[in-house]
Amino acid sequence: MAKYRGPVCRLCRREGVKLFLKGEKCLGPKCEIEKRTGPPGSHGDARPKKMSDYGVRLREKQKARRMYGILEKQFKAYFAHAARMTGISGDNLLQLLERRLDNVVFRLGYASSRREARMLVTHRHFAVNGRPVNVPSLLVKPGDMVSVKPNSRAKTGINMNVGSSSQHAVPAWLLRTDDGFDGRVLSMPARDQIDSQLEEQLIVEYYSR
């Protein structure tokens, strides 16, 4: 499947906010968006242009898509699914994105970024309800157990992430066990339990135009 292979810091600069695509580096002084302001390709004293209403909605959709590492066709399918569900379409969309296995692995602290979480899932380091999986887009549901496979627990990267994430808050809809290598999905994520800088209503308006 096609995927973006360029410098991810460029994506943060394009959206004008930190998308936390490189884990701990995004929190330190080496973060590219701290050193270079403005979108990529802008030079000198070029003044930012005022965006149209369409441009504002487009940028919000692109921000969400890049934050979760999803291509356009797949993101559009998520929105179509969310629109068919009962309730508020924007909340439904964020709920679907949060339930992705790669995002759950990231939220539980097993990876420093969603990009790293996707790689770990693809390499079969995780099991859901005891069954090894390698599909990052798998949607978890309440009661599911997400575990680091026993033969993967000694992997340096996962061990380091589990240790460094011990002080990071796990969302209320997830629970990580004391040993750190097992997590359970307690409930569907509510909007106030999703730590996101997104304005989902703008995404709904983009697709409803």
C-alpha atoms as a PDB file:
ATOM      1  CA  MET A   1       0.000   0.000   0.000  1.00  0.00           C
ATOM      2  CA  ALA A   2       1.241   3.524  -0.796  1.00  0.00           C
ATOM      3  CA  LYS A   3       2.403   5.667   2.094  1.00  0.00           C
ATOM      4  CA  TYR A   4       4.221   8.922   2.720  1.00  0.00           C
ATOM      5  CA  ARG A   5       7.981   8.364   2.869  1.00  0.00           C
ATOM      6  CA  GLY A   6       9.220  11.943   3.105  1.00  0.00           C
ATOM      7  CA  PRO A   7      10.373  13.924   6.181  1.00  0.00           C
ATOM      8  CA  VAL A   8       7.537  13.910   8.716  1.00  0.00           C
ATOM      9  CA  CYS A   9       8.596  17.229  10.276  1.00  0.00           C
ATOM     10  CA  ARG A  10       7.571  18.800   6.980  1.00  0.00           C
ATOM     11  CA  LEU A  11       3.997  17.698   7.657  1.00  0.00           C
ATOM     12  CA  CYS A  12       3.956  19.440  11.057  1.00  0.00           C
ATOM     13  CA  ARG A  13       5.260  22.646   9.506  1.00  0.00           C
ATOM     14  CA  ARG A  14       2.617  22.479   6.784  1.00  0.00           C
ATOM     15  CA  GLU A  15      -0.180  22.203   9.340  1.00  0.00           C
ATOM     16  CA  GLY A  16       1.396  24.750  11.683  1.00  0.00           C
ATOM     17  CA  VAL A  17       1.063  22.522  14.780  1.00  0.00           C
ATOM     18  CA  LYS A  18       2.917  19.620  16.345  1.00  0.00           C
ATOM     19  CA  LEU A  19       1.454  16.327  15.143  1.00  0.00           C
ATOM     20  CA  PHE A  20       3.845  14.341  17.384  1.00  0.00           C
ATOM     21  CA  LEU A  21       5.024  12.142  14.536  1.00  0.00           C
ATOM     22  CA  LYS A  22       8.530  11.606  15.962  1.00  0.00           C
ATOM     23  CA  GLY A  23       7.753  10.817  19.580  1.00  0.00           C
ATOM     24  CA  GLU A  24       9.951  12.329  22.278  1.00  0.00           C
ATOM     25  CA  LYS A  25      11.831  14.504  19.778  1.00  0.00           C
ATOM     26  CA  CYS A  26       8.664  16.562  19.339  1.00  0.00           C
ATOM     27  CA  LEU A  27       8.813  17.532  23.030  1.00  0.00           C
ATOM     28  CA  GLY A  28      12.393  18.801  22.993  1.00  0.00           C
ATOM     29  CA  PRO A  29      14.307  21.721  21.494  1.00  0.00           C
ATOM     30  CA  LYS A  30      15.198  19.689  18.398  1.00  0.00           C
ATOM     31  CA  CYS A  31      11.598  19.804  17.195  1.00  0.00           C
ATOM     32  CA  GLU A  32      11.674  21.282  13.691  1.00  0.00           C
ATOM     33  CA  ILE A  33       8.568  23.406  14.204  1.00  0.00           C
ATOM     34  CA  GLU A  34      10.305  25.159  17.119  1.00  0.00           C
ATOM     35  CA  LYS A  35      13.261  26.113  14.936  1.00  0.00           C
ATOM     36  CA  ARG A  36      11.550  26.937  11.641  1.00  0.00           C
ATOM     37  CA  THR A  37       8.272  28.794  11.439  1.00  0.00           C
ATOM     38  CA  GLY A  38       6.027  28.865   8.434  1.00  0.00           C
ATOM     39  CA  PRO A  39       5.038  26.144   5.977  1.00  0.00           C
ATOM     40  CA  PRO A  40       7.716  24.294   3.975  1.00  0.00           C
ATOM     41  CA  GLY A  41       8.781  26.094   0.852  1.00  0.00           C
ATOM     42  CA  SER A  42       8.216  29.597   2.242  1.00  0.00           C
ATOM     43  CA  HIS A  43      11.252  31.851   2.329  1.00  0.00           C
ATOM     44  CA  GLY A  44      12.126  35.395   3.250  1.00  0.00           C
ATOM     45  CA  ASP A  45       9.388  37.637   4.594  1.00  0.00           C
ATOM     46  CA  ALA A  46       6.514  35.977   2.773  1.00  0.00           C
ATOM     47  CA  ARG A  47       3.346  36.790   4.666  1.00  0.00           C
ATOM     48  CA  PRO A  48       0.817  34.021   5.256  1.00  0.00           C
ATOM     49  CA  LYS A  49      -2.289  34.401   3.134  1.00  0.00           C
ATOM     50  CA  LYS A  50      -5.715  34.448   4.697  1.00  0.00           C
ATOM     51  CA  MET A  51      -7.371  31.096   4.059  1.00  0.00           C
ATOM     52  CA  SER A  52     -10.847  30.704   2.669  1.00  0.00           C
ATOM     53  CA  ASP A  53     -13.517  28.777   4.560  1.00  0.00           C
ATOM     54  CA  TYR A  54     -12.791  25.817   2.306  1.00  0.00           C
ATOM     55  CA  GLY A  55      -9.076  26.079   3.059  1.00  0.00           C
ATOM     56  CA  VAL A  56      -9.671  26.066   6.820  1.00  0.00           C
ATOM     57  CA  ARG A  57     -11.771  22.897   6.559  1.00  0.00           C
ATOM     58  CA  LEU A  58      -9.288  21.250   4.208  1.00  0.00           C
ATOM     59  CA  ARG A  59      -6.387  21.928   6.560  1.00  0.00           C
ATOM     60  CA  GLU A  60      -8.296  20.441   9.520  1.00  0.00           C
ATOM     61  CA  LYS A  61      -9.019  17.287   7.522  1.00  0.00           C
ATOM     62  CA  GLN A  62      -5.384  17.033   6.454  1.00  0.00           C
ATOM     63  CA  LYS A  63      -4.231  17.575  10.040  1.00  0.00           C
ATOM     64  CA  ALA A  64      -6.379  14.665  11.274  1.00  0.00           C
ATOM     65  CA  ARG A  65      -5.318  12.418   8.416  1.00  0.00           C
ATOM     66  CA  ARG A  66      -1.634  13.070   8.987  1.00  0.00           C
ATOM     67  CA  MET A  67      -1.891  12.838  12.765  1.00  0.00           C
ATOM     68  CA  TYR A  68      -3.282   9.301  12.524  1.00  0.00           C
ATOM     69  CA  GLY A  69      -1.157   8.359   9.485  1.00  0.00           C
ATOM     70  CA  ILE A  70      -4.038   7.530   7.152  1.00  0.00           C
ATOM     71  CA  LEU A  71      -4.236   7.975   3.393  1.00  0.00           C
ATOM     72  CA  GLU A  72      -7.040   9.949   1.769  1.00  0.00           C
ATOM     73  CA  LYS A  73      -9.136   7.055   0.469  1.00  0.00           C
ATOM     74  CA  GLN A  74      -9.091   5.264   3.822  1.00  0.00           C
ATOM     75  CA  PHE A  75      -9.864   8.447   5.749  1.00  0.00           C
ATOM     76  CA  LYS A  76     -12.851   9.139   3.509  1.00  0.00           C
ATOM     77  CA  ALA A  77     -14.099   5.593   4.181  1.00  0.00           C
ATOM     78  CA  TYR A  78     -13.824   6.232   7.933  1.00  0.00           C
ATOM     79  CA  PHE A  79     -15.950   9.351   7.570  1.00  0.00           C
ATOM     80  CA  ALA A  80     -18.563   7.488   5.528  1.00  0.00           C
ATOM     81  CA  HIS A  81     -18.694   4.838   8.261  1.00  0.00           C
ATOM     82  CA  ALA A  82     -18.999   7.523  10.954  1.00  0.00           C
ATOM     83  CA  ALA A  83     -21.832   9.237   9.074  1.00  0.00           C
ATOM     84  CA  ARG A  84     -23.831   5.986   9.005  1.00  0.00           C
ATOM     85  CA  MET A  85     -23.492   5.484  12.760  1.00  0.00           C
ATOM     86  CA  THR A  86     -25.998   6.900  15.230  1.00  0.00           C
ATOM     87  CA  GLY A  87     -24.882  10.002  17.093  1.00  0.00           C
ATOM     88  CA  ILE A  88     -22.676  12.941  16.111  1.00  0.00           C
ATOM     89  CA  SER A  89     -20.628  12.246  12.984  1.00  0.00           C
ATOM     90  CA  GLY A  90     -17.558  14.136  14.209  1.00  0.00           C
ATOM     91  CA  ASP A  91     -17.460  12.275  17.516  1.00  0.00           C
ATOM     92  CA  ASN A  92     -18.013   8.987  15.694  1.00  0.00           C
ATOM     93  CA  LEU A  93     -15.093   9.726  13.371  1.00  0.00           C
ATOM     94  CA  LEU A  94     -12.674  10.398  16.233  1.00  0.00           C
ATOM     95  CA  GLN A  95     -13.917   7.282  18.016  1.00  0.00           C
ATOM     96  CA  LEU A  96     -13.160   5.116  14.975  1.00  0.00           C
ATOM     97  CA  LEU A  97      -9.690   6.629  14.609  1.00  0.00           C
ATOM     98  CA  GLU A  98      -8.921   6.117  18.304  1.00  0.00           C
ATOM     99  CA  ARG A  99     -10.019   2.471  18.163  1.00  0.00           C
ATOM    100  CA  ARG A 100      -7.404   1.601  15.542  1.00  0.00           C
ATOM    101  CA  LEU A 101      -4.918  -0.907  16.936  1.00  0.00           C
ATOM    102  CA  ASP A 102      -1.873   1.217  16.113  1.00  0.00           C
ATOM    103  CA  ASN A 103      -3.404   4.148  17.997  1.00  0.00           C
ATOM    104  CA  VAL A 104      -4.250   1.926  20.985  1.00  0.00           C
ATOM    105  CA  VAL A 105      -0.652   0.667  21.077  1.00  0.00           C
ATOM    106  CA  PHE A 106       0.499   4.298  21.072  1.00  0.00           C
ATOM    107  CA  ARG A 107      -2.012   5.376  23.743  1.00  0.00           C
ATOM    108  CA  LEU A 108      -0.966   2.495  26.004  1.00  0.00           C
ATOM    109  CA  GLY A 109       2.629   3.721  25.848  1.00  0.00           C
ATOM    110  CA  TYR A 110       4.181   0.854  23.888  1.00  0.00           C
ATOM    111  CA  ALA A 111       5.396   3.217  21.153  1.00  0.00           C
ATOM    112  CA  SER A 112       6.591   6.813  21.178  1.00  0.00           C
ATOM    113  CA  SER A 113       4.496   7.705  18.121  1.00  0.00           C
ATOM    114  CA  ARG A 114       1.703   6.261  16.003  1.00  0.00           C
ATOM    115  CA  ARG A 115       4.211   5.783  13.210  1.00  0.00           C
ATOM    116  CA  GLU A 116       6.353   3.549  15.443  1.00  0.00           C
ATOM    117  CA  ALA A 117       3.237   1.771  16.736  1.00  0.00           C
ATOM    118  CA  ARG A 118       2.192   0.926  13.185  1.00  0.00           C
ATOM    119  CA  MET A 119       5.609  -0.595  12.500  1.00  0.00           C
ATOM    120  CA  LEU A 120       5.507  -2.679  15.702  1.00  0.00           C
ATOM    121  CA  VAL A 121       2.033  -4.000  14.891  1.00  0.00           C
ATOM    122  CA  THR A 122       3.026  -4.818  11.309  1.00  0.00           C
ATOM    123  CA  HIS A 123       6.017  -6.795  12.640  1.00  0.00           C
ATOM    124  CA  ARG A 124       3.659  -8.917  14.757  1.00  0.00           C
ATOM    125  CA  HIS A 125       4.875  -7.828  18.200  1.00  0.00           C
ATOM    126  CA  PHE A 126       1.314  -7.651  19.567  1.00  0.00           C
ATOM    127  CA  ALA A 127      -1.602  -9.964  20.179  1.00  0.00           C
ATOM    128  CA  VAL A 128      -5.289  -9.144  20.615  1.00  0.00           C
ATOM    129  CA  ASN A 129      -7.137 -11.543  22.895  1.00  0.00           C
ATOM    130  CA  GLY A 130      -4.182 -13.918  22.658  1.00  0.00           C
ATOM    131  CA  ARG A 131      -4.066 -14.004  18.847  1.00  0.00           C
ATOM    132  CA  PRO A 132      -1.092 -12.403  17.041  1.00  0.00           C
ATOM    133  CA  VAL A 133      -2.144  -9.628  14.668  1.00  0.00           C
ATOM    134  CA  ASN A 134      -0.345  -7.529  12.093  1.00  0.00           C
ATOM    135  CA  VAL A 135      -3.153  -5.215  10.926  1.00  0.00           C
ATOM    136  CA  PRO A 136      -2.702  -1.640  12.249  1.00  0.00           C
ATOM    137  CA  SER A 137      -6.238  -0.657  11.186  1.00  0.00           C
ATOM    138  CA  LEU A 138      -7.919  -3.371  13.285  1.00  0.00           C
ATOM    139  CA  LEU A 139     -10.685  -1.761  15.365  1.00  0.00           C
ATOM    140  CA  VAL A 140     -10.653  -2.847  18.996  1.00  0.00           C
ATOM    141  CA  LYS A 141     -13.820  -3.073  21.096  1.00  0.00           C
ATOM    142  CA  PRO A 142     -14.612  -3.014  24.823  1.00  0.00           C
ATOM    143  CA  GLY A 143     -13.250  -6.090  26.567  1.00  0.00           C
ATOM    144  CA  ASP A 144     -10.385  -6.672  24.124  1.00  0.00           C
ATOM    145  CA  MET A 145      -6.951  -7.377  25.614  1.00  0.00           C
ATOM    146  CA  VAL A 146      -3.965  -5.933  23.758  1.00  0.00           C
ATOM    147  CA  SER A 147      -0.694  -7.583  24.823  1.00  0.00           C
ATOM    148  CA  VAL A 148       2.963  -7.462  23.908  1.00  0.00           C
ATOM    149  CA  LYS A 149       3.859 -10.980  22.798  1.00  0.00           C
ATOM    150  CA  PRO A 150       6.126 -12.798  25.317  1.00  0.00           C
ATOM    151  CA  ASN A 151       9.010 -13.156  22.875  1.00  0.00           C
ATOM    152  CA  SER A 152       8.796  -9.438  22.036  1.00  0.00           C
ATOM    153  CA  ARG A 153       8.929  -8.106  25.599  1.00  0.00           C
ATOM    154  CA  ALA A 154      12.725  -8.100  25.668  1.00  0.00           C
ATOM    155  CA  LYS A 155      12.880  -5.885  22.593  1.00  0.00           C
ATOM    156  CA  THR A 156      14.848  -2.804  23.576  1.00  0.00           C
ATOM    157  CA  GLY A 157      12.498  -0.337  21.904  1.00  0.00           C
ATOM    158  CA  ILE A 158       9.353  -1.654  23.588  1.00  0.00           C
ATOM    159  CA  ASN A 159      11.078  -1.917  26.976  1.00  0.00           C
ATOM    160  CA  MET A 160      12.300   1.645  26.721  1.00  0.00           C
ATOM    161  CA  ASN A 161       8.856   2.912  25.757  1.00  0.00           C
ATOM    162  CA  VAL A 162       7.159   1.055  28.609  1.00  0.00           C
ATOM    163  CA  GLY A 163       9.662   2.538  31.061  1.00  0.00           C
ATOM    164  CA  SER A 164       9.529   6.088  29.732  1.00  0.00           C
ATOM    165  CA  SER A 165       5.722   6.054  29.490  1.00  0.00           C
ATOM    166  CA  SER A 166       5.214   5.050  33.118  1.00  0.00           C
ATOM    167  CA  GLN A 167       4.609   8.701  33.960  1.00  0.00           C
ATOM    168  CA  HIS A 168       2.326   9.334  30.975  1.00  0.00           C
ATOM    169  CA  ALA A 169      -1.411   9.184  31.517  1.00  0.00           C
ATOM    170  CA  VAL A 170      -3.250   6.357  29.788  1.00  0.00           C
ATOM    171  CA  PRO A 171      -6.724   7.450  28.565  1.00  0.00           C
ATOM    172  CA  ALA A 172      -9.613   6.553  30.861  1.00  0.00           C
ATOM    173  CA  TRP A 173     -11.102   4.183  28.275  1.00  0.00           C
ATOM    174  CA  LEU A 174      -7.941   2.044  28.401  1.00  0.00           C
ATOM    175  CA  LEU A 175      -6.210   0.223  31.257  1.00  0.00           C
ATOM    176  CA  ARG A 176      -2.602  -0.988  31.402  1.00  0.00           C
ATOM    177  CA  THR A 177      -1.704  -3.740  33.837  1.00  0.00           C
ATOM    178  CA  ASP A 178       0.938  -3.367  36.542  1.00  0.00           C
ATOM    179  CA  ASP A 179       3.598  -5.280  34.594  1.00  0.00           C
ATOM    180  CA  GLY A 180       3.090  -2.848  31.729  1.00  0.00           C
ATOM    181  CA  PHE A 181       2.851  -5.407  28.935  1.00  0.00           C
ATOM    182  CA  ASP A 182      -0.918  -5.944  28.830  1.00  0.00           C
ATOM    183  CA  GLY A 183      -3.674  -3.448  28.187  1.00  0.00           C
ATOM    184  CA  ARG A 184      -7.455  -3.737  28.196  1.00  0.00           C
ATOM    185  CA  VAL A 185     -10.096  -1.740  26.357  1.00  0.00           C
ATOM    186  CA  LEU A 186     -12.586  -0.718  29.031  1.00  0.00           C
ATOM    187  CA  SER A 187     -15.103   1.172  26.908  1.00  0.00           C
ATOM    188  CA  MET A 188     -15.643   3.080  23.707  1.00  0.00           C
ATOM    189  CA  PRO A 189     -13.685   6.357  23.819  1.00  0.00           C
ATOM    190  CA  ALA A 190     -15.890   9.347  24.637  1.00  0.00           C
ATOM    191  CA  ARG A 191     -15.039  12.741  23.117  1.00  0.00           C
ATOM    192  CA  ASP A 192     -13.828  14.176  26.422  1.00  0.00           C
ATOM    193  CA  GLN A 193     -11.488  11.181  26.802  1.00  0.00           C
ATOM    194  CA  ILE A 194      -9.735  11.836  23.487  1.00  0.00           C
ATOM    195  CA  ASP A 195      -6.671  14.053  23.827  1.00  0.00           C
ATOM    196  CA  SER A 196      -6.829  15.716  20.444  1.00  0.00           C
ATOM    197  CA  GLN A 197      -6.348  19.228  19.087  1.00  0.00           C
ATOM    198  CA  LEU A 198      -8.762  18.559  16.246  1.00  0.00           C
ATOM    199  CA  GLU A 199     -11.952  20.467  15.499  1.00  0.00           C
ATOM    200  CA  GLU A 200     -13.929  17.552  14.121  1.00  0.00           C
ATOM    201  CA  GLN A 201     -16.911  19.704  13.089  1.00  0.00           C
ATOM    202  CA  LEU A 202     -14.732  21.348  10.430  1.00  0.00           C
ATOM    203  CA  ILE A 203     -13.990  17.888   9.006  1.00  0.00           C
ATOM    204  CA  VAL A 204     -17.710  17.104   8.902  1.00  0.00           C
ATOM    205  CA  GLU A 205     -18.339  20.400   7.083  1.00  0.00           C
ATOM    206  CA  TYR A 206     -15.553  19.610   4.616  1.00  0.00           C
ATOM    207  CA  TYR A 207     -17.135  16.316   3.568  1.00  0.00           C
ATOM    208  CA  SER A 208     -20.657  17.765   3.657  1.00  0.00           C
ATOM    209  CA  ARG A 209     -19.938  20.640   1.269  1.00  0.00           C
END
